[in-house]
Amino acid sequence: MSLFSRRPDPSKVANASAACSIIDGPMTVHGDIESDGSLRIDGRLEGSILRADVVVVGKDASIVGDVTAREIIIGGSVHGNIRASGRVELENSALVEGDIDAAVIRIHEGGTVQGKLAIQPLAERERLTSGKASRPIAITTSED
């Protein structure tokens, strides 16, 4: 074995796709985050998540910024817009102050959204990106 031997290719290591980054409860992060893996926020993020596979926002967590990922599950609060290529799920303790754009949106009883919901199935999204635009489905919520 050489002192300067090459590191193994991460894509060939078992469970490489199971990587998960965590911002724990007492932690506050200032700045934007990009990840190819999963991300769990249990603390406070003052910045945007620009790209991630799966984002989980814990019950006591808060994000001040936009969130973009394939799948997003929210239990805490997000003050910014949310974009998911797949699914967004709001738990009963979730608060979102911003617009949500996703292929699938699930809101549990008690979850709160102060913004617009735009739901476009994946087939519709592909058609829009190929240049054959049509009107997206939009649902607007408001306080009574």
N, C-alpha and C. Protein backbone atom coordinates (compact mmCIF):
# COMPACT_ATOMS: atom_id res chain seq x y z
N MET A 1 0.84 -1.18 0.00
CA MET A 1 0.00 0.00 0.00
C MET A 1 0.88 1.23 0.00
N SER A 2 0.62 2.13 -0.88
CA SER A 2 1.41 3.33 -1.05
C SER A 2 0.88 4.45 -0.17
N LEU A 3 1.74 5.33 0.22
CA LEU A 3 1.35 6.49 1.01
C LEU A 3 0.42 7.40 0.22
N PHE A 4 0.62 7.44 -1.10
CA PHE A 4 -0.19 8.31 -1.95
C PHE A 4 -1.22 7.53 -2.76
N SER A 5 -1.74 6.47 -2.19
CA SER A 5 -2.72 5.67 -2.92
C SER A 5 -4.01 6.47 -3.11
N ARG A 6 -4.75 6.12 -4.13
CA ARG A 6 -5.98 6.82 -4.47
C ARG A 6 -7.10 6.42 -3.51
N ARG A 7 -7.96 7.34 -3.23
CA ARG A 7 -9.15 7.06 -2.43
C ARG A 7 -10.14 6.30 -3.29
N PRO A 8 -10.97 5.47 -2.67
CA PRO A 8 -11.99 4.77 -3.45
C PRO A 8 -13.01 5.74 -4.02
N ASP A 9 -13.55 5.39 -5.18
CA ASP A 9 -14.58 6.19 -5.83
C ASP A 9 -15.84 6.15 -4.97
N PRO A 10 -16.36 7.33 -4.51
CA PRO A 10 -17.53 7.34 -3.62
C PRO A 10 -18.76 6.69 -4.24
N SER A 11 -18.89 6.74 -5.57
CA SER A 11 -20.06 6.15 -6.21
C SER A 11 -20.03 4.63 -6.17
N LYS A 12 -18.85 4.06 -5.87
CA LYS A 12 -18.73 2.60 -5.82
C LYS A 12 -18.74 2.06 -4.39
N VAL A 13 -18.80 2.96 -3.41
CA VAL A 13 -18.83 2.56 -2.01
C VAL A 13 -20.27 2.20 -1.64
N ALA A 14 -20.44 1.11 -0.91
CA ALA A 14 -21.79 0.69 -0.48
C ALA A 14 -22.44 1.78 0.35
N ASN A 15 -23.73 2.01 0.15
CA ASN A 15 -24.52 2.99 0.88
C ASN A 15 -24.07 4.43 0.65
N ALA A 16 -23.42 4.70 -0.48
CA ALA A 16 -23.01 6.07 -0.76
C ALA A 16 -24.22 6.97 -0.94
N SER A 17 -25.32 6.43 -1.47
CA SER A 17 -26.51 7.25 -1.66
C SER A 17 -27.29 7.44 -0.36
N ALA A 18 -26.91 6.75 0.71
CA ALA A 18 -27.61 6.86 1.99
C ALA A 18 -27.05 7.99 2.84
N ALA A 19 -26.18 8.83 2.27
CA ALA A 19 -25.58 9.92 3.02
C ALA A 19 -26.64 10.93 3.43
N CYS A 20 -26.53 11.40 4.68
CA CYS A 20 -27.48 12.37 5.21
C CYS A 20 -26.72 13.39 6.04
N SER A 21 -26.95 14.66 5.75
CA SER A 21 -26.35 15.74 6.53
C SER A 21 -27.39 16.26 7.51
N ILE A 22 -26.96 16.63 8.71
CA ILE A 22 -27.88 17.06 9.76
C ILE A 22 -27.44 18.40 10.34
N ILE A 23 -28.39 19.32 10.45
CA ILE A 23 -28.19 20.55 11.21
C ILE A 23 -28.99 20.35 12.48
N ASP A 24 -28.31 20.13 13.59
CA ASP A 24 -28.94 19.72 14.84
C ASP A 24 -29.59 20.90 15.56
N GLY A 25 -30.39 20.56 16.58
CA GLY A 25 -31.21 21.50 17.32
C GLY A 25 -30.57 22.80 17.76
N PRO A 26 -29.46 22.78 18.49
CA PRO A 26 -28.93 24.05 18.97
C PRO A 26 -28.12 24.82 17.93
N MET A 27 -28.09 24.35 16.69
CA MET A 27 -27.23 24.96 15.67
C MET A 27 -28.02 25.93 14.78
N THR A 28 -27.37 27.06 14.43
CA THR A 28 -27.89 27.99 13.44
C THR A 28 -26.87 28.12 12.34
N VAL A 29 -27.32 27.98 11.09
CA VAL A 29 -26.44 28.09 9.93
C VAL A 29 -26.89 29.29 9.11
N HIS A 30 -25.91 30.13 8.73
CA HIS A 30 -26.17 31.29 7.87
C HIS A 30 -25.54 31.00 6.52
N GLY A 31 -26.34 30.96 5.46
CA GLY A 31 -25.81 30.73 4.12
C GLY A 31 -26.60 29.67 3.40
N ASP A 32 -26.32 29.54 2.11
CA ASP A 32 -27.03 28.58 1.26
C ASP A 32 -26.38 27.21 1.31
N ILE A 33 -27.20 26.17 1.06
CA ILE A 33 -26.73 24.79 1.10
C ILE A 33 -27.07 24.11 -0.22
N GLU A 34 -26.13 23.32 -0.75
CA GLU A 34 -26.35 22.46 -1.91
C GLU A 34 -25.89 21.06 -1.53
N SER A 35 -26.69 20.06 -1.90
CA SER A 35 -26.35 18.68 -1.58
C SER A 35 -26.93 17.74 -2.62
N ASP A 36 -26.23 16.66 -2.91
CA ASP A 36 -26.77 15.62 -3.76
C ASP A 36 -27.45 14.55 -2.92
N GLY A 37 -27.30 14.63 -1.62
CA GLY A 37 -27.87 13.64 -0.72
C GLY A 37 -29.05 14.20 0.06
N SER A 38 -29.36 13.54 1.16
CA SER A 38 -30.47 13.94 2.02
C SER A 38 -29.98 14.94 3.06
N LEU A 39 -30.90 15.76 3.53
CA LEU A 39 -30.58 16.80 4.49
C LEU A 39 -31.69 16.86 5.53
N ARG A 40 -31.31 16.84 6.80
CA ARG A 40 -32.29 16.97 7.89
C ARG A 40 -31.95 18.23 8.67
N ILE A 41 -32.96 19.09 8.85
CA ILE A 41 -32.79 20.32 9.60
C ILE A 41 -33.58 20.18 10.90
N ASP A 42 -32.88 20.25 12.03
CA ASP A 42 -33.53 20.27 13.33
C ASP A 42 -33.23 21.57 14.06
N GLY A 43 -32.36 22.40 13.48
CA GLY A 43 -32.01 23.69 14.05
C GLY A 43 -32.61 24.82 13.24
N ARG A 44 -31.80 25.84 12.98
CA ARG A 44 -32.25 27.02 12.23
C ARG A 44 -31.32 27.24 11.05
N LEU A 45 -31.91 27.45 9.87
CA LEU A 45 -31.15 27.77 8.66
C LEU A 45 -31.61 29.13 8.18
N GLU A 46 -30.68 30.07 8.09
CA GLU A 46 -30.96 31.38 7.52
C GLU A 46 -30.25 31.44 6.18
N GLY A 47 -30.91 30.91 5.18
CA GLY A 47 -30.38 30.79 3.83
C GLY A 47 -31.23 29.79 3.08
N SER A 48 -30.92 29.56 1.83
CA SER A 48 -31.72 28.68 1.00
C SER A 48 -31.07 27.32 0.81
N ILE A 49 -31.89 26.32 0.58
CA ILE A 49 -31.40 25.02 0.14
C ILE A 49 -31.60 25.03 -1.37
N LEU A 50 -30.50 25.10 -2.09
CA LEU A 50 -30.55 25.27 -3.53
C LEU A 50 -30.79 23.97 -4.28
N ARG A 51 -30.33 22.86 -3.69
CA ARG A 51 -30.49 21.55 -4.33
C ARG A 51 -30.25 20.47 -3.28
N ALA A 52 -31.15 19.47 -3.28
CA ALA A 52 -30.98 18.31 -2.41
C ALA A 52 -31.89 17.21 -2.92
N ASP A 53 -31.63 15.99 -2.47
CA ASP A 53 -32.49 14.88 -2.84
C ASP A 53 -33.73 14.91 -1.95
N VAL A 54 -33.56 14.69 -0.66
CA VAL A 54 -34.66 14.71 0.30
C VAL A 54 -34.30 15.70 1.40
N VAL A 55 -35.26 16.57 1.74
CA VAL A 55 -35.08 17.52 2.85
C VAL A 55 -36.16 17.23 3.88
N VAL A 56 -35.75 17.06 5.14
CA VAL A 56 -36.68 16.87 6.25
C VAL A 56 -36.46 18.03 7.21
N VAL A 57 -37.54 18.77 7.48
CA VAL A 57 -37.49 19.89 8.42
C VAL A 57 -38.21 19.43 9.68
N GLY A 58 -37.45 19.27 10.76
CA GLY A 58 -38.00 18.77 12.02
C GLY A 58 -39.02 19.70 12.64
N LYS A 59 -39.76 19.17 13.61
CA LYS A 59 -40.88 19.88 14.25
C LYS A 59 -40.46 21.22 14.85
N ASP A 60 -39.30 21.30 15.46
CA ASP A 60 -38.85 22.54 16.11
C ASP A 60 -37.88 23.34 15.25
N ALA A 61 -37.71 22.96 14.00
CA ALA A 61 -36.76 23.61 13.10
C ALA A 61 -37.39 24.79 12.38
N SER A 62 -36.53 25.69 11.88
CA SER A 62 -37.03 26.80 11.07
C SER A 62 -36.03 27.12 9.96
N ILE A 63 -36.58 27.48 8.82
CA ILE A 63 -35.77 27.89 7.67
C ILE A 63 -36.29 29.24 7.21
N VAL A 64 -35.38 30.19 7.05
CA VAL A 64 -35.71 31.48 6.47
C VAL A 64 -34.98 31.52 5.13
N GLY A 65 -35.68 31.11 4.08
CA GLY A 65 -35.10 31.02 2.74
C GLY A 65 -35.89 30.01 1.93
N ASP A 66 -35.54 29.90 0.67
CA ASP A 66 -36.23 28.99 -0.24
C ASP A 66 -35.67 27.57 -0.11
N VAL A 67 -36.50 26.58 -0.44
CA VAL A 67 -36.09 25.17 -0.39
C VAL A 67 -36.40 24.53 -1.74
N THR A 68 -35.38 23.94 -2.36
CA THR A 68 -35.53 23.24 -3.63
C THR A 68 -34.95 21.84 -3.48
N ALA A 69 -35.77 20.82 -3.74
CA ALA A 69 -35.32 19.43 -3.61
C ALA A 69 -36.26 18.52 -4.38
N ARG A 70 -35.91 17.25 -4.44
CA ARG A 70 -36.79 16.26 -5.07
C ARG A 70 -37.99 16.00 -4.17
N GLU A 71 -37.74 15.81 -2.87
CA GLU A 71 -38.80 15.53 -1.92
C GLU A 71 -38.55 16.35 -0.66
N ILE A 72 -39.64 16.94 -0.11
CA ILE A 72 -39.51 17.80 1.07
C ILE A 72 -40.59 17.43 2.07
N ILE A 73 -40.19 17.19 3.31
CA ILE A 73 -41.12 16.88 4.39
C ILE A 73 -40.91 17.94 5.47
N ILE A 74 -42.00 18.63 5.84
CA ILE A 74 -41.88 19.76 6.76
C ILE A 74 -42.70 19.51 8.02
N GLY A 75 -42.03 19.62 9.16
CA GLY A 75 -42.70 19.53 10.45
C GLY A 75 -42.61 20.85 11.18
N GLY A 76 -41.63 21.68 10.85
CA GLY A 76 -41.41 22.97 11.49
C GLY A 76 -41.89 24.10 10.62
N SER A 77 -41.12 25.20 10.57
CA SER A 77 -41.55 26.38 9.80
C SER A 77 -40.56 26.70 8.68
N VAL A 78 -41.12 27.13 7.56
CA VAL A 78 -40.33 27.59 6.42
C VAL A 78 -40.90 28.94 5.99
N HIS A 79 -40.05 29.95 6.00
CA HIS A 79 -40.43 31.29 5.56
C HIS A 79 -39.72 31.54 4.23
N GLY A 80 -40.32 31.04 3.16
CA GLY A 80 -39.74 31.13 1.83
C GLY A 80 -40.50 30.19 0.90
N ASN A 81 -40.15 30.21 -0.36
CA ASN A 81 -40.83 29.38 -1.35
C ASN A 81 -40.25 27.97 -1.38
N ILE A 82 -41.10 27.01 -1.74
CA ILE A 82 -40.72 25.60 -1.78
C ILE A 82 -40.96 25.07 -3.17
N ARG A 83 -39.93 24.41 -3.75
CA ARG A 83 -40.05 23.78 -5.07
C ARG A 83 -39.56 22.34 -4.95
N ALA A 84 -40.41 21.40 -5.37
CA ALA A 84 -40.03 19.99 -5.34
C ALA A 84 -40.36 19.37 -6.69
N SER A 85 -39.41 18.62 -7.23
CA SER A 85 -39.69 17.92 -8.48
C SER A 85 -40.60 16.73 -8.23
N GLY A 86 -40.66 16.28 -7.00
CA GLY A 86 -41.52 15.17 -6.62
C GLY A 86 -42.62 15.62 -5.68
N ARG A 87 -42.43 15.35 -4.39
CA ARG A 87 -43.49 15.48 -3.40
C ARG A 87 -43.12 16.43 -2.28
N VAL A 88 -44.14 17.16 -1.79
CA VAL A 88 -44.02 17.98 -0.59
C VAL A 88 -45.06 17.47 0.40
N GLU A 89 -44.64 17.24 1.64
CA GLU A 89 -45.56 16.80 2.68
C GLU A 89 -45.44 17.73 3.87
N LEU A 90 -46.58 18.26 4.33
CA LEU A 90 -46.62 19.12 5.51
C LEU A 90 -47.26 18.35 6.65
N GLU A 91 -46.51 18.18 7.72
CA GLU A 91 -47.01 17.51 8.92
C GLU A 91 -48.00 18.44 9.63
N ASN A 92 -48.68 17.95 10.65
CA ASN A 92 -49.69 18.75 11.35
C ASN A 92 -49.10 19.96 12.08
N SER A 93 -47.81 19.97 12.33
CA SER A 93 -47.16 21.09 13.03
C SER A 93 -46.48 22.06 12.07
N ALA A 94 -46.62 21.86 10.76
CA ALA A 94 -45.90 22.65 9.76
C ALA A 94 -46.52 24.02 9.55
N LEU A 95 -45.65 25.01 9.30
CA LEU A 95 -46.06 26.35 8.92
C LEU A 95 -45.20 26.77 7.74
N VAL A 96 -45.82 27.07 6.62
CA VAL A 96 -45.11 27.56 5.44
C VAL A 96 -45.65 28.93 5.09
N GLU A 97 -44.77 29.92 5.07
CA GLU A 97 -45.12 31.27 4.63
C GLU A 97 -44.40 31.49 3.31
N GLY A 98 -45.04 31.06 2.23
CA GLY A 98 -44.47 31.16 0.90
C GLY A 98 -45.22 30.23 -0.03
N ASP A 99 -44.85 30.27 -1.30
CA ASP A 99 -45.52 29.45 -2.31
C ASP A 99 -44.92 28.05 -2.36
N ILE A 100 -45.75 27.07 -2.71
CA ILE A 100 -45.30 25.68 -2.87
C ILE A 100 -45.59 25.25 -4.30
N ASP A 101 -44.58 24.72 -4.97
CA ASP A 101 -44.70 24.21 -6.33
C ASP A 101 -44.15 22.80 -6.34
N ALA A 102 -45.00 21.81 -6.64
CA ALA A 102 -44.57 20.41 -6.61
C ALA A 102 -45.49 19.57 -7.47
N ALA A 103 -45.06 18.33 -7.74
CA ALA A 103 -45.89 17.38 -8.48
C ALA A 103 -47.00 16.84 -7.59
N VAL A 104 -46.69 16.65 -6.31
CA VAL A 104 -47.65 16.13 -5.33
C VAL A 104 -47.50 16.94 -4.05
N ILE A 105 -48.62 17.38 -3.48
CA ILE A 105 -48.60 18.10 -2.21
C ILE A 105 -49.57 17.41 -1.26
N ARG A 106 -49.06 17.04 -0.07
CA ARG A 106 -49.90 16.43 0.96
C ARG A 106 -49.82 17.28 2.21
N ILE A 107 -50.98 17.72 2.69
CA ILE A 107 -51.03 18.56 3.89
C ILE A 107 -51.86 17.84 4.94
N HIS A 108 -51.22 17.49 6.05
CA HIS A 108 -51.93 16.85 7.15
C HIS A 108 -52.78 17.89 7.87
N GLU A 109 -53.86 17.44 8.51
CA GLU A 109 -54.74 18.32 9.25
C GLU A 109 -53.94 19.09 10.30
N GLY A 110 -54.02 20.40 10.25
CA GLY A 110 -53.27 21.25 11.17
C GLY A 110 -52.11 21.95 10.49
N GLY A 111 -51.63 21.42 9.37
CA GLY A 111 -50.57 22.07 8.61
C GLY A 111 -51.06 23.38 8.03
N THR A 112 -50.21 24.42 8.04
CA THR A 112 -50.63 25.75 7.61
C THR A 112 -49.78 26.24 6.45
N VAL A 113 -50.45 26.80 5.44
CA VAL A 113 -49.76 27.40 4.30
C VAL A 113 -50.31 28.80 4.11
N GLN A 114 -49.42 29.78 4.07
CA GLN A 114 -49.79 31.16 3.76
C GLN A 114 -49.09 31.50 2.45
N GLY A 115 -49.71 31.11 1.35
CA GLY A 115 -49.12 31.32 0.03
C GLY A 115 -49.92 30.55 -1.00
N LYS A 116 -49.36 30.41 -2.18
CA LYS A 116 -50.04 29.73 -3.28
C LYS A 116 -49.51 28.31 -3.43
N LEU A 117 -50.39 27.41 -3.85
CA LEU A 117 -50.00 26.04 -4.15
C LEU A 117 -50.11 25.85 -5.66
N ALA A 118 -49.07 25.30 -6.28
CA ALA A 118 -49.10 24.96 -7.70
C ALA A 118 -48.76 23.49 -7.82
N ILE A 119 -49.69 22.72 -8.38
CA ILE A 119 -49.51 21.28 -8.50
C ILE A 119 -49.45 20.93 -9.98
N GLN A 120 -48.34 20.38 -10.41
CA GLN A 120 -48.17 19.94 -11.79
C GLN A 120 -47.63 18.53 -11.78
N PRO A 121 -48.38 17.58 -12.32
CA PRO A 121 -47.86 16.21 -12.42
C PRO A 121 -46.56 16.18 -13.21
N LEU A 122 -45.73 15.18 -12.97
CA LEU A 122 -44.44 15.09 -13.63
C LEU A 122 -44.56 15.11 -15.15
N ALA A 123 -45.56 14.44 -15.71
CA ALA A 123 -45.74 14.43 -17.16
C ALA A 123 -45.98 15.85 -17.68
N GLU A 124 -46.74 16.64 -16.94
CA GLU A 124 -47.01 18.03 -17.33
C GLU A 124 -45.73 18.86 -17.25
N ARG A 125 -44.92 18.63 -16.23
CA ARG A 125 -43.66 19.37 -16.09
C ARG A 125 -42.73 19.08 -17.26
N GLU A 126 -42.65 17.80 -17.67
CA GLU A 126 -41.81 17.43 -18.80
C GLU A 126 -42.29 18.11 -20.07
N ARG A 127 -43.61 18.18 -20.24
CA ARG A 127 -44.17 18.82 -21.42
C ARG A 127 -43.86 20.31 -21.42
N LEU A 128 -43.92 20.94 -20.25
CA LEU A 128 -43.62 22.37 -20.16
C LEU A 128 -42.16 22.65 -20.50
N THR A 129 -41.26 21.79 -20.06
CA THR A 129 -39.85 22.01 -20.34
C THR A 129 -39.49 21.70 -21.78
N SER A 130 -40.33 20.94 -22.50
CA SER A 130 -40.06 20.64 -23.90
C SER A 130 -40.58 21.73 -24.83
N GLY A 131 -41.17 22.80 -24.26
CA GLY A 131 -41.61 23.92 -25.07
C GLY A 131 -43.08 23.92 -25.41
N LYS A 132 -43.84 22.93 -25.02
CA LYS A 132 -45.27 22.87 -25.29
C LYS A 132 -46.01 23.33 -24.04
N ALA A 133 -45.98 24.63 -23.79
CA ALA A 133 -46.52 25.16 -22.54
C ALA A 133 -48.05 25.13 -22.50
N SER A 134 -48.57 24.84 -21.35
CA SER A 134 -50.00 24.95 -21.08
C SER A 134 -50.16 25.58 -19.71
N ARG A 135 -51.35 25.91 -19.34
CA ARG A 135 -51.61 26.59 -18.07
C ARG A 135 -51.47 25.62 -16.91
N PRO A 136 -50.64 25.95 -15.89
CA PRO A 136 -50.49 25.07 -14.73
C PRO A 136 -51.71 25.11 -13.82
N ILE A 137 -51.87 24.06 -13.04
CA ILE A 137 -52.93 23.99 -12.06
C ILE A 137 -52.48 24.79 -10.85
N ALA A 138 -53.31 25.68 -10.34
CA ALA A 138 -52.93 26.48 -9.18
C ALA A 138 -54.07 26.52 -8.18
N ILE A 139 -53.73 26.40 -6.92
CA ILE A 139 -54.70 26.49 -5.83
C ILE A 139 -54.20 27.57 -4.90
N THR A 140 -55.05 28.51 -4.56
CA THR A 140 -54.66 29.60 -3.68
C THR A 140 -55.41 29.45 -2.36
N THR A 141 -54.68 29.58 -1.26
CA THR A 141 -55.31 29.53 0.05
C THR A 141 -55.23 30.91 0.68
N SER A 142 -56.19 31.21 1.54
CA SER A 142 -56.16 32.48 2.23
C SER A 142 -56.79 32.30 3.60
N GLU A 143 -56.46 33.23 4.48
CA GLU A 143 -57.03 33.18 5.82
C GLU A 143 -58.43 33.77 5.81
N ASP A 144 -59.35 33.18 6.58
CA ASP A 144 -60.72 33.70 6.66
C ASP A 144 -60.85 34.69 7.78
